[in-house]
């Protein structure tokens, strides 16, 4: 006897997946914005402008100086090691995946044991990322999320440690708040 599809259960699963995606997307974008703010505060500390607030709000504003330019400033100030800069770049790439790619379902069917009458169907949640050559790469969504969270936590740690070690004035932004954005890896 064939099992009937339960539309209520399927609808519940779809809503859960949507909510999970929004949580991952929203938190990742928010955390990235906070990380960018603290990187701006590190730059501010090293440049020591006369009017710190003006410099932070108008010169280092993300609408004026993009994230890539801020990374170039950090590189030229020799603030982080090459491997740390790469982690920050990778996090920026992941941010772009969240901002510009949708989580979708991927269906793959194949014959089982060479029998054309028996197929197995594998349904996975995926997200697309571009590689360094600009080609799309299909990634398993759950694996991407776990790797992203680990990378995000590493970047938060390296920024926090740098700010604390160098006694950087973070104005009204407390480094403890950045640390609260760290996730547990499921």
N, C-alpha and C. Protein backbone atom coordinates (compact mmCIF):
# COMPACT_ATOMS: atom_id res chain seq x y z
N UNK A 1 0.84 -1.18 0.00
CA UNK A 1 0.00 0.00 0.00
C UNK A 1 0.89 1.25 0.00
N UNK A 2 0.55 2.18 -0.86
CA UNK A 2 1.34 3.39 -0.98
C UNK A 2 1.03 4.36 0.15
N UNK A 3 2.09 4.98 0.72
CA UNK A 3 1.89 5.98 1.77
C UNK A 3 1.44 7.28 1.15
N UNK A 4 0.46 7.91 1.81
CA UNK A 4 0.01 9.22 1.33
C UNK A 4 0.89 10.30 1.90
N UNK A 5 1.09 11.32 1.12
CA UNK A 5 1.84 12.47 1.58
C UNK A 5 0.95 13.29 2.51
N UNK A 6 1.48 13.68 3.64
CA UNK A 6 0.72 14.48 4.59
C UNK A 6 1.04 15.94 4.34
N UNK A 7 0.08 16.70 3.75
CA UNK A 7 0.38 18.10 3.42
C UNK A 7 0.68 18.95 4.64
N UNK A 8 0.09 18.62 5.79
CA UNK A 8 0.35 19.40 7.01
C UNK A 8 1.80 19.20 7.44
N UNK A 9 2.26 17.95 7.46
CA UNK A 9 3.63 17.67 7.85
C UNK A 9 4.60 18.29 6.86
N UNK A 10 4.33 18.12 5.56
CA UNK A 10 5.22 18.70 4.55
C UNK A 10 5.27 20.22 4.68
N UNK A 11 4.12 20.84 4.94
CA UNK A 11 4.06 22.29 5.12
C UNK A 11 4.89 22.70 6.34
N UNK A 12 4.80 21.92 7.43
CA UNK A 12 5.57 22.21 8.65
C UNK A 12 7.06 22.13 8.37
N UNK A 13 7.46 21.15 7.59
CA UNK A 13 8.88 20.99 7.25
C UNK A 13 9.33 22.19 6.42
N UNK A 14 8.52 22.62 5.44
CA UNK A 14 8.87 23.77 4.62
C UNK A 14 9.01 25.03 5.46
N UNK A 15 8.09 25.23 6.42
CA UNK A 15 8.17 26.41 7.28
C UNK A 15 9.43 26.35 8.13
N UNK A 16 9.75 25.16 8.68
CA UNK A 16 10.98 25.02 9.47
C UNK A 16 12.20 25.35 8.63
N UNK A 17 12.25 24.82 7.42
CA UNK A 17 13.40 25.09 6.56
C UNK A 17 13.53 26.57 6.26
N UNK A 18 12.39 27.23 6.01
CA UNK A 18 12.40 28.66 5.74
C UNK A 18 12.88 29.43 6.96
N UNK A 19 12.36 29.10 8.14
CA UNK A 19 12.78 29.79 9.36
C UNK A 19 14.26 29.56 9.63
N UNK A 20 14.72 28.32 9.44
CA UNK A 20 16.13 28.00 9.64
C UNK A 20 17.00 28.83 8.70
N UNK A 21 16.59 28.94 7.45
CA UNK A 21 17.34 29.73 6.47
C UNK A 21 17.38 31.19 6.88
N UNK A 22 16.24 31.75 7.29
CA UNK A 22 16.20 33.15 7.71
C UNK A 22 17.09 33.37 8.93
N UNK A 23 17.08 32.44 9.87
CA UNK A 23 17.93 32.58 11.06
C UNK A 23 19.41 32.56 10.67
N UNK A 24 19.79 31.61 9.83
CA UNK A 24 21.19 31.53 9.40
C UNK A 24 21.58 32.76 8.60
N UNK A 25 20.73 33.17 7.68
CA UNK A 25 21.00 34.33 6.84
C UNK A 25 21.09 35.60 7.68
N UNK A 26 20.08 35.84 8.49
CA UNK A 26 20.03 37.06 9.30
C UNK A 26 21.18 37.16 10.28
N UNK A 27 21.45 36.09 10.99
CA UNK A 27 22.52 36.13 11.98
C UNK A 27 23.88 36.29 11.31
N UNK A 28 24.08 35.61 10.19
CA UNK A 28 25.37 35.70 9.50
C UNK A 28 25.61 37.10 8.97
N UNK A 29 24.60 37.72 8.38
CA UNK A 29 24.76 39.08 7.86
C UNK A 29 24.98 40.07 9.00
N UNK A 30 24.21 39.92 10.08
CA UNK A 30 24.37 40.81 11.23
C UNK A 30 25.77 40.66 11.84
N UNK A 31 26.21 39.44 12.03
CA UNK A 31 27.53 39.18 12.61
C UNK A 31 28.63 39.76 11.71
N UNK A 32 28.48 39.60 10.40
CA UNK A 32 29.47 40.15 9.48
C UNK A 32 29.54 41.67 9.61
N UNK A 33 28.38 42.32 9.70
CA UNK A 33 28.36 43.78 9.87
C UNK A 33 29.07 44.19 11.16
N UNK A 34 28.87 43.44 12.22
CA UNK A 34 29.55 43.74 13.49
C UNK A 34 31.06 43.53 13.36
N UNK A 35 31.46 42.48 12.68
CA UNK A 35 32.88 42.22 12.45
C UNK A 35 33.49 43.38 11.66
N UNK A 36 32.79 43.83 10.63
CA UNK A 36 33.29 44.96 9.83
C UNK A 36 33.45 46.21 10.69
N UNK A 37 32.50 46.44 11.59
CA UNK A 37 32.60 47.59 12.50
C UNK A 37 33.86 47.50 13.35
N UNK A 38 34.13 46.34 13.93
CA UNK A 38 35.30 46.19 14.78
C UNK A 38 36.60 46.28 13.97
N UNK A 39 36.59 45.84 12.72
CA UNK A 39 37.77 46.03 11.87
C UNK A 39 37.97 47.52 11.60
N UNK A 40 36.88 48.26 11.42
CA UNK A 40 36.97 49.72 11.24
C UNK A 40 37.56 50.37 12.49
N UNK A 41 37.18 49.86 13.66
CA UNK A 41 37.71 50.41 14.92
C UNK A 41 39.21 50.12 15.06
N UNK A 42 39.65 48.98 14.55
CA UNK A 42 41.08 48.66 14.56
C UNK A 42 41.83 49.64 13.65
N UNK A 43 41.28 49.89 12.47
CA UNK A 43 41.89 50.85 11.54
C UNK A 43 41.92 52.23 12.19
N UNK A 44 40.82 52.63 12.78
CA UNK A 44 40.72 53.92 13.47
C UNK A 44 41.81 54.06 14.52
N UNK A 45 42.05 53.01 15.27
CA UNK A 45 43.08 53.00 16.32
C UNK A 45 44.47 53.27 15.72
N UNK A 46 44.76 52.68 14.60
CA UNK A 46 46.09 52.81 14.00
C UNK A 46 46.28 54.13 13.26
N UNK A 47 45.22 54.68 12.73
CA UNK A 47 45.34 55.94 11.98
C UNK A 47 45.29 57.15 12.92
N UNK A 48 44.57 57.03 14.01
CA UNK A 48 44.44 58.10 15.01
C UNK A 48 44.02 59.45 14.41
N UNK A 49 42.85 59.49 13.78
CA UNK A 49 42.41 60.78 13.22
C UNK A 49 42.02 61.76 14.33
N UNK A 50 42.03 63.03 13.98
CA UNK A 50 41.68 64.08 14.94
C UNK A 50 40.24 63.92 15.44
N UNK A 51 39.32 63.68 14.53
CA UNK A 51 37.91 63.50 14.89
C UNK A 51 37.52 62.03 14.64
N UNK A 52 37.65 61.23 15.68
CA UNK A 52 37.42 59.78 15.57
C UNK A 52 36.01 59.43 15.10
N UNK A 53 35.02 60.07 15.69
CA UNK A 53 33.64 59.75 15.36
C UNK A 53 33.33 60.09 13.90
N UNK A 54 33.77 61.27 13.45
CA UNK A 54 33.57 61.65 12.05
C UNK A 54 34.25 60.63 11.14
N UNK A 55 35.49 60.27 11.46
CA UNK A 55 36.24 59.33 10.63
C UNK A 55 35.53 57.97 10.56
N UNK A 56 35.05 57.51 11.70
CA UNK A 56 34.35 56.23 11.75
C UNK A 56 33.02 56.30 10.99
N UNK A 57 32.24 57.34 11.25
CA UNK A 57 30.90 57.44 10.67
C UNK A 57 30.89 57.81 9.19
N UNK A 58 31.86 58.62 8.74
CA UNK A 58 31.81 59.11 7.37
C UNK A 58 32.91 58.56 6.46
N UNK A 59 34.11 58.41 6.96
CA UNK A 59 35.19 57.92 6.12
C UNK A 59 35.18 56.39 6.05
N UNK A 60 35.06 55.73 7.20
CA UNK A 60 35.06 54.27 7.22
C UNK A 60 33.67 53.66 7.07
N UNK A 61 32.70 54.48 6.78
CA UNK A 61 31.34 54.00 6.56
C UNK A 61 31.36 52.99 5.41
N UNK A 62 30.69 51.84 5.56
CA UNK A 62 30.70 50.82 4.49
C UNK A 62 30.19 51.32 3.14
N UNK A 63 29.39 52.38 3.14
CA UNK A 63 28.92 52.95 1.87
C UNK A 63 30.01 53.78 1.19
N UNK A 64 31.03 54.17 1.95
CA UNK A 64 32.12 54.98 1.42
C UNK A 64 33.33 54.10 1.11
N UNK A 65 33.76 53.32 2.10
CA UNK A 65 34.90 52.42 1.92
C UNK A 65 34.39 51.00 2.11
N UNK A 66 34.45 50.22 1.06
CA UNK A 66 33.97 48.85 1.09
C UNK A 66 34.86 47.93 1.91
N UNK A 67 34.35 46.75 2.14
CA UNK A 67 35.06 45.78 2.97
C UNK A 67 36.42 45.41 2.37
N UNK A 68 36.48 45.22 1.06
CA UNK A 68 37.74 44.87 0.40
C UNK A 68 38.80 45.93 0.60
N UNK A 69 38.40 47.20 0.54
CA UNK A 69 39.35 48.30 0.75
C UNK A 69 39.84 48.31 2.20
N UNK A 70 38.95 48.00 3.13
CA UNK A 70 39.35 47.94 4.54
C UNK A 70 40.37 46.81 4.74
N UNK A 71 40.17 45.70 4.07
CA UNK A 71 41.14 44.61 4.17
C UNK A 71 42.50 45.05 3.64
N UNK A 72 42.50 45.80 2.55
CA UNK A 72 43.76 46.31 1.99
C UNK A 72 44.45 47.25 2.97
N UNK A 73 43.67 48.05 3.67
CA UNK A 73 44.25 48.94 4.70
C UNK A 73 44.87 48.09 5.80
N UNK A 74 44.15 47.08 6.27
CA UNK A 74 44.67 46.20 7.33
C UNK A 74 45.95 45.50 6.88
N UNK A 75 45.99 45.06 5.62
CA UNK A 75 47.18 44.41 5.08
C UNK A 75 48.36 45.38 5.09
N UNK A 76 48.13 46.60 4.63
CA UNK A 76 49.22 47.58 4.55
C UNK A 76 49.65 48.11 5.91
N UNK A 77 48.80 48.00 6.90
CA UNK A 77 49.20 48.36 8.27
C UNK A 77 49.85 47.18 8.99
N UNK A 78 49.96 46.05 8.32
CA UNK A 78 50.56 44.82 8.88
C UNK A 78 49.90 44.43 10.20
N UNK A 79 48.59 44.47 10.23
CA UNK A 79 47.87 44.20 11.47
C UNK A 79 47.66 42.70 11.68
N UNK A 80 47.32 41.99 10.65
CA UNK A 80 47.07 40.55 10.78
C UNK A 80 48.01 39.77 9.88
N UNK A 81 48.25 38.51 10.25
CA UNK A 81 49.05 37.62 9.42
C UNK A 81 48.26 37.26 8.16
N UNK A 82 48.98 36.80 7.16
CA UNK A 82 48.36 36.44 5.88
C UNK A 82 47.24 35.40 6.07
N UNK A 83 47.47 34.42 6.91
CA UNK A 83 46.45 33.38 7.12
C UNK A 83 45.20 33.95 7.80
N UNK A 84 45.39 34.94 8.66
CA UNK A 84 44.25 35.58 9.32
C UNK A 84 43.46 36.44 8.33
N UNK A 85 44.17 37.14 7.46
CA UNK A 85 43.52 37.92 6.41
C UNK A 85 42.72 36.98 5.50
N UNK A 86 43.27 35.82 5.20
CA UNK A 86 42.56 34.85 4.35
C UNK A 86 41.27 34.39 5.02
N UNK A 87 41.29 34.17 6.32
CA UNK A 87 40.07 33.79 7.04
C UNK A 87 39.02 34.90 6.94
N UNK A 88 39.46 36.14 7.07
CA UNK A 88 38.53 37.27 6.98
C UNK A 88 37.97 37.36 5.55
N UNK A 89 38.82 37.13 4.56
CA UNK A 89 38.36 37.13 3.15
C UNK A 89 37.34 36.01 2.92
N UNK A 90 37.65 34.83 3.45
CA UNK A 90 36.74 33.69 3.29
C UNK A 90 35.38 33.99 3.94
N UNK A 91 35.42 34.65 5.09
CA UNK A 91 34.17 35.01 5.75
C UNK A 91 33.38 36.00 4.88
N UNK A 92 34.07 36.92 4.24
CA UNK A 92 33.42 37.87 3.33
C UNK A 92 32.78 37.13 2.15
N UNK A 93 33.47 36.14 1.63
CA UNK A 93 32.92 35.32 0.55
C UNK A 93 31.65 34.62 1.01
N UNK A 94 31.68 34.06 2.22
CA UNK A 94 30.49 33.38 2.76
C UNK A 94 29.35 34.37 2.94
N UNK A 95 29.67 35.58 3.38
CA UNK A 95 28.64 36.61 3.53
C UNK A 95 27.95 36.85 2.20
N UNK A 96 28.75 36.89 1.12
CA UNK A 96 28.18 37.09 -0.20
C UNK A 96 27.33 35.90 -0.65
N UNK A 97 27.71 34.70 -0.23
CA UNK A 97 26.88 33.53 -0.53
C UNK A 97 25.51 33.70 0.13
N UNK A 98 25.50 34.08 1.40
CA UNK A 98 24.23 34.29 2.09
C UNK A 98 23.42 35.41 1.45
N UNK A 99 24.08 36.47 1.06
CA UNK A 99 23.37 37.64 0.54
C UNK A 99 22.86 37.43 -0.89
N UNK A 100 23.52 36.59 -1.67
CA UNK A 100 23.20 36.51 -3.09
C UNK A 100 22.83 35.12 -3.60
N UNK A 101 22.68 34.16 -2.72
CA UNK A 101 22.34 32.80 -3.16
C UNK A 101 21.23 32.27 -2.27
N UNK A 102 20.32 31.54 -2.88
CA UNK A 102 19.23 30.95 -2.12
C UNK A 102 19.52 29.49 -1.80
N UNK A 103 19.12 29.09 -0.62
CA UNK A 103 19.15 27.68 -0.28
C UNK A 103 18.08 27.01 -1.14
N UNK A 104 18.41 25.90 -1.73
CA UNK A 104 17.46 25.20 -2.58
C UNK A 104 17.60 23.70 -2.36
N UNK A 105 16.71 22.95 -2.94
CA UNK A 105 16.76 21.50 -2.82
C UNK A 105 17.37 20.92 -4.10
N UNK A 106 18.20 19.93 -3.93
CA UNK A 106 18.82 19.24 -5.05
C UNK A 106 18.33 17.80 -5.02
N UNK A 107 17.82 17.33 -6.15
CA UNK A 107 17.31 15.96 -6.23
C UNK A 107 18.21 15.19 -7.18
N UNK A 108 18.69 14.04 -6.69
CA UNK A 108 19.52 13.17 -7.52
C UNK A 108 18.92 11.78 -7.47
N UNK A 109 18.69 11.20 -8.64
CA UNK A 109 18.12 9.86 -8.73
C UNK A 109 19.12 8.96 -9.44
N UNK A 110 19.21 7.71 -8.99
CA UNK A 110 20.09 6.76 -9.66
C UNK A 110 19.55 5.35 -9.49
N UNK A 111 19.90 4.50 -10.44
CA UNK A 111 19.48 3.11 -10.38
C UNK A 111 20.15 2.44 -9.19
N UNK A 112 19.40 1.54 -8.57
CA UNK A 112 19.99 0.77 -7.47
C UNK A 112 20.41 -0.60 -7.99
N UNK A 113 21.63 -0.97 -7.71
CA UNK A 113 22.17 -2.28 -8.08
C UNK A 113 21.98 -2.61 -9.55
N UNK A 114 22.05 -1.59 -10.42
CA UNK A 114 21.94 -1.82 -11.85
C UNK A 114 20.54 -2.18 -12.32
N UNK A 115 19.55 -2.08 -11.46
CA UNK A 115 18.17 -2.42 -11.82
C UNK A 115 17.44 -1.15 -12.27
N UNK A 116 17.06 -1.07 -13.54
CA UNK A 116 16.41 0.15 -14.02
C UNK A 116 15.02 0.38 -13.42
N UNK A 117 14.45 -0.64 -12.79
CA UNK A 117 13.11 -0.52 -12.19
C UNK A 117 13.16 -0.05 -10.74
N UNK A 118 14.35 0.01 -10.19
CA UNK A 118 14.51 0.43 -8.80
C UNK A 118 15.49 1.61 -8.77
N UNK A 119 15.01 2.72 -8.28
CA UNK A 119 15.88 3.89 -8.20
C UNK A 119 15.91 4.40 -6.76
N UNK A 120 16.99 5.02 -6.43
CA UNK A 120 17.06 5.69 -5.14
C UNK A 120 17.07 7.20 -5.42
N UNK A 121 16.38 7.93 -4.59
CA UNK A 121 16.28 9.37 -4.74
C UNK A 121 16.90 10.01 -3.52
N UNK A 122 17.81 10.94 -3.76
CA UNK A 122 18.49 11.64 -2.68
C UNK A 122 18.15 13.12 -2.80
N UNK A 123 17.53 13.67 -1.75
CA UNK A 123 17.16 15.08 -1.73
C UNK A 123 18.02 15.78 -0.69
N UNK A 124 18.76 16.80 -1.13
CA UNK A 124 19.64 17.54 -0.24
C UNK A 124 19.36 19.03 -0.36
N UNK A 125 19.55 19.72 0.75
CA UNK A 125 19.53 21.18 0.73
C UNK A 125 20.91 21.64 0.30
N UNK A 126 20.94 22.53 -0.69
CA UNK A 126 22.22 23.02 -1.22
C UNK A 126 22.19 24.53 -1.30
N UNK A 127 23.38 25.08 -1.43
CA UNK A 127 23.56 26.51 -1.67
C UNK A 127 24.72 26.62 -2.66
N UNK A 128 24.70 27.65 -3.49
CA UNK A 128 25.74 27.82 -4.50
C UNK A 128 26.71 28.91 -4.12
N UNK A 129 27.97 28.63 -4.42
CA UNK A 129 29.08 29.56 -4.14
C UNK A 129 29.90 29.62 -5.42
N UNK A 130 30.56 30.73 -5.67
CA UNK A 130 31.46 30.77 -6.82
C UNK A 130 32.89 30.52 -6.35
N UNK A 131 33.63 29.78 -7.15
CA UNK A 131 35.04 29.55 -6.81
C UNK A 131 35.89 30.70 -7.35
N UNK A 132 37.18 30.60 -7.20
CA UNK A 132 38.07 31.70 -7.60
C UNK A 132 38.06 31.94 -9.12
N UNK A 133 37.60 30.93 -9.88
CA UNK A 133 37.49 31.07 -11.33
C UNK A 133 36.14 31.63 -11.75
N UNK A 134 35.26 31.89 -10.78
CA UNK A 134 33.94 32.41 -11.09
C UNK A 134 32.91 31.35 -11.43
N UNK A 135 33.28 30.07 -11.28
CA UNK A 135 32.35 28.98 -11.58
C UNK A 135 31.51 28.66 -10.35
N UNK A 136 30.24 28.34 -10.61
CA UNK A 136 29.35 27.97 -9.52
C UNK A 136 29.70 26.59 -8.98
N UNK A 137 29.68 26.48 -7.66
CA UNK A 137 29.94 25.23 -6.98
C UNK A 137 28.76 24.95 -6.07
N UNK A 138 28.18 23.76 -6.20
CA UNK A 138 27.05 23.37 -5.37
C UNK A 138 27.58 22.79 -4.06
N UNK A 139 27.12 23.35 -2.93
CA UNK A 139 27.58 22.90 -1.62
C UNK A 139 26.42 22.35 -0.81
N UNK A 140 26.69 21.34 -0.01
CA UNK A 140 25.71 20.85 0.94
C UNK A 140 25.45 21.94 1.96
N UNK A 141 24.19 22.33 2.13
CA UNK A 141 23.84 23.47 2.97
C UNK A 141 24.26 23.26 4.43
N UNK A 142 23.97 22.09 4.98
CA UNK A 142 24.31 21.83 6.39
C UNK A 142 25.81 21.89 6.62
N UNK A 143 26.57 21.32 5.70
CA UNK A 143 28.03 21.34 5.82
C UNK A 143 28.55 22.78 5.69
N UNK A 144 27.97 23.54 4.75
CA UNK A 144 28.37 24.94 4.56
C UNK A 144 28.12 25.74 5.84
N UNK A 145 26.96 25.55 6.45
CA UNK A 145 26.61 26.26 7.69
C UNK A 145 27.62 25.93 8.78
N UNK A 146 27.93 24.65 8.98
CA UNK A 146 28.87 24.25 10.03
C UNK A 146 30.26 24.87 9.79
N UNK A 147 30.72 24.82 8.55
CA UNK A 147 32.03 25.39 8.22
C UNK A 147 32.01 26.91 8.38
N UNK A 148 30.90 27.53 7.99
CA UNK A 148 30.77 28.98 8.13
C UNK A 148 30.80 29.40 9.60
N UNK A 149 30.09 28.69 10.44
CA UNK A 149 30.05 29.01 11.87
C UNK A 149 31.44 28.88 12.48
N UNK A 150 32.16 27.80 12.14
CA UNK A 150 33.52 27.62 12.66
C UNK A 150 34.43 28.76 12.21
N UNK A 151 34.33 29.14 10.94
CA UNK A 151 35.15 30.24 10.41
C UNK A 151 34.77 31.56 11.08
N UNK A 152 33.49 31.81 11.20
CA UNK A 152 33.01 33.04 11.84
C UNK A 152 33.52 33.13 13.28
N UNK A 153 33.46 32.02 14.01
CA UNK A 153 33.96 32.00 15.39
C UNK A 153 35.46 32.27 15.45
N UNK A 154 36.22 31.71 14.50
CA UNK A 154 37.67 31.96 14.43
C UNK A 154 37.96 33.45 14.21
N UNK A 155 37.21 34.06 13.29
CA UNK A 155 37.43 35.48 12.99
C UNK A 155 37.05 36.34 14.20
N UNK A 156 35.96 36.02 14.85
CA UNK A 156 35.56 36.76 16.06
C UNK A 156 36.66 36.65 17.11
N UNK A 157 37.22 35.46 17.30
CA UNK A 157 38.29 35.27 18.28
C UNK A 157 39.52 36.10 17.93
N UNK A 158 39.93 36.06 16.66
CA UNK A 158 41.17 36.78 16.31
C UNK A 158 40.98 38.28 16.44
N UNK A 159 39.82 38.80 16.09
CA UNK A 159 39.55 40.24 16.24
C UNK A 159 39.48 40.61 17.72
N UNK A 160 38.76 39.82 18.49
CA UNK A 160 38.63 40.09 19.93
C UNK A 160 39.98 40.09 20.62
N UNK A 161 40.78 39.07 20.33
CA UNK A 161 42.10 38.97 20.95
C UNK A 161 42.98 40.16 20.57
N UNK A 162 42.91 40.58 19.30
CA UNK A 162 43.72 41.71 18.86
C UNK A 162 43.30 42.99 19.58
N UNK A 163 42.00 43.21 19.68
CA UNK A 163 41.48 44.42 20.34
C UNK A 163 41.86 44.44 21.81
N UNK A 164 41.73 43.32 22.48
CA UNK A 164 42.06 43.25 23.92
C UNK A 164 43.56 43.43 24.12
N UNK A 165 44.35 42.69 23.33
CA UNK A 165 45.82 42.75 23.45
C UNK A 165 46.35 44.16 23.24
N UNK A 166 45.74 44.91 22.32
CA UNK A 166 46.22 46.25 21.97
C UNK A 166 45.44 47.37 22.65
N UNK A 167 44.59 47.01 23.59
CA UNK A 167 43.79 48.00 24.34
C UNK A 167 43.14 49.03 23.43
N UNK A 168 42.47 48.55 22.40
CA UNK A 168 41.86 49.44 21.42
C UNK A 168 40.55 49.99 21.97
N UNK A 169 40.41 51.30 21.84
CA UNK A 169 39.18 51.98 22.25
C UNK A 169 38.11 51.63 21.22
N UNK A 170 37.10 50.90 21.66
CA UNK A 170 36.02 50.51 20.75
C UNK A 170 34.82 51.44 20.88
N UNK A 171 35.09 52.66 21.38
CA UNK A 171 34.04 53.67 21.56
C UNK A 171 32.94 53.09 22.44
N UNK A 172 31.75 53.06 21.95
CA UNK A 172 30.61 52.55 22.72
C UNK A 172 30.30 51.10 22.38
N UNK A 173 31.10 50.47 21.55
CA UNK A 173 30.89 49.08 21.11
C UNK A 173 31.75 48.17 21.98
N UNK A 174 31.12 47.31 22.72
CA UNK A 174 31.86 46.45 23.65
C UNK A 174 32.24 45.14 22.97
N UNK A 175 33.48 44.76 23.13
CA UNK A 175 33.99 43.54 22.52
C UNK A 175 33.21 42.32 23.02
N UNK A 176 32.69 42.40 24.23
CA UNK A 176 31.88 41.31 24.77
C UNK A 176 30.67 41.04 23.87
N UNK A 177 30.09 42.10 23.30
CA UNK A 177 28.95 41.94 22.40
C UNK A 177 29.34 41.15 21.16
N UNK A 178 30.54 41.40 20.65
CA UNK A 178 31.00 40.64 19.47
C UNK A 178 31.16 39.17 19.85
N UNK A 179 31.72 38.91 21.01
CA UNK A 179 31.91 37.52 21.44
C UNK A 179 30.58 36.79 21.63
N UNK A 180 29.53 37.54 21.99
CA UNK A 180 28.20 36.93 22.17
C UNK A 180 27.63 36.42 20.84
N UNK A 181 28.16 36.90 19.73
CA UNK A 181 27.67 36.47 18.42
C UNK A 181 28.25 35.13 17.98
N UNK A 182 29.18 34.60 18.76
CA UNK A 182 29.73 33.28 18.42
C UNK A 182 28.63 32.24 18.53
N UNK A 183 28.67 31.27 17.63
CA UNK A 183 27.69 30.18 17.60
C UNK A 183 28.30 28.89 18.07
N UNK A 184 27.44 28.03 18.54
CA UNK A 184 27.84 26.65 18.77
C UNK A 184 27.66 25.92 17.46
N UNK A 185 28.55 25.00 17.18
CA UNK A 185 28.46 24.23 15.95
C UNK A 185 27.61 23.00 16.24
N UNK A 186 26.53 22.89 15.48
CA UNK A 186 25.58 21.78 15.68
C UNK A 186 26.15 20.47 15.23
